[in-house]
Amino acid sequence: EARILQCLQNKFLARYVSLPNQNKIWTVTVSPELRDRTPLVMVHGFGGGVGLWILNMDSLSARRTLHTFDLLGFGRSSRPTFPRDPEGAEDEFVTSIETWRETMGIPSMILLGHSLGGFLATSYSIKYPERVKHLILVDPWGFPLRPTDPSEIRAPPTWFKAVVSVLGRSNPLAVLRVAGPWGPGLVQRFRPDFKRKFADFFEDDTISEYIYHCNAQNPSGETAFKAMMESFGWARRPMLERIHLIRKDVPITMIYGANTWIDTSTGKKVKMQRPDSYVRDMEIEGASHHVYADQPHIFNSVVEEICDSVD
């Protein structure tokens, strides 16, 4: 991670934020001196960490403070034992985000979440709408209801099918922990696309090694995710059934990769559920699930435009 963060041009601060319950949230704040505008808070997806935002951090912190953190149970943050039921696990994540916000002294924020981070950012916005000036969901996981007709189900990505064939029903990334020193090589084998996405910054295996080390420890957040999912692409408590509960004055923008395995029709369904609210959905060409890394320049400019509309 230190190698990754060395790429930042803007001033940044990386440290642990201690919560009252003794858990620690690993946090990176970029451009901490820009206090006049609403900060942008970015929440990574499953198996990720702060380092995966490296293609976005400088650009998105040019005119405002940017905060990003490792979700509880992931990356360098604490790895507590989560409740085993889906609602309890989700609440634990959401409470940790709110406690982190309080500890950081952030009155309100533009909240952006990718994949699992989008699911949790939405859940957070239902519970704490007064803290969210704009909700940005990037290829959010866990929104649609699982279709009863198997032909309507989008196929999961090939790498996931390969992992499942090796693992069966154990935790999604258990193969990395079993592999030990061969783990980084497995990341490279299953996800060679990550090396390509970050090739402008790293010619070596920095990103593969980073993803491995994010997931080689106690699978705390991973176990919580398993409790929340029906299968990899579906949540036990689908967000489409609840998104109408977000206060009407919270604007929502949904950004999808045009080539993603996520169901992009959920953007239209969210619009239908919130007819009296601002909901914008869009697709970025040439991007798959990791939109922010597939097309970083387009992604950054879209997010900057959204942020500038707030203040």
Foldseek 3Di string as FASTA:
>chain_A
DVLLCVPAPFDKDWDWQAFPVRWTKTKMKGPPVLDPAAEEEEEEAPLDFPSVLSLFQNLLPVRHMYMYIHFALWAPTDQDAFDLALVRLLVVRLVVVVRSCVSVVRQAHAYEYAACGLVSLLVNLLVCVSRHQAYEYELYFAADDDDPDPVPAQDADPLQVVQCVVPPPDQSQVVLLVCVPCNLVSLCVSCVVVCVLCVVSDVDSVVSVSSSVRCNDDNRSSSNVSNQAPDPRHGPDHCLVPSLSRDQAHAYEYEYAPAESHDQCVQVSSCVSRVSHHGHYDYDYQDYRPRCSRPVVVVNVVVSVVSVVSD
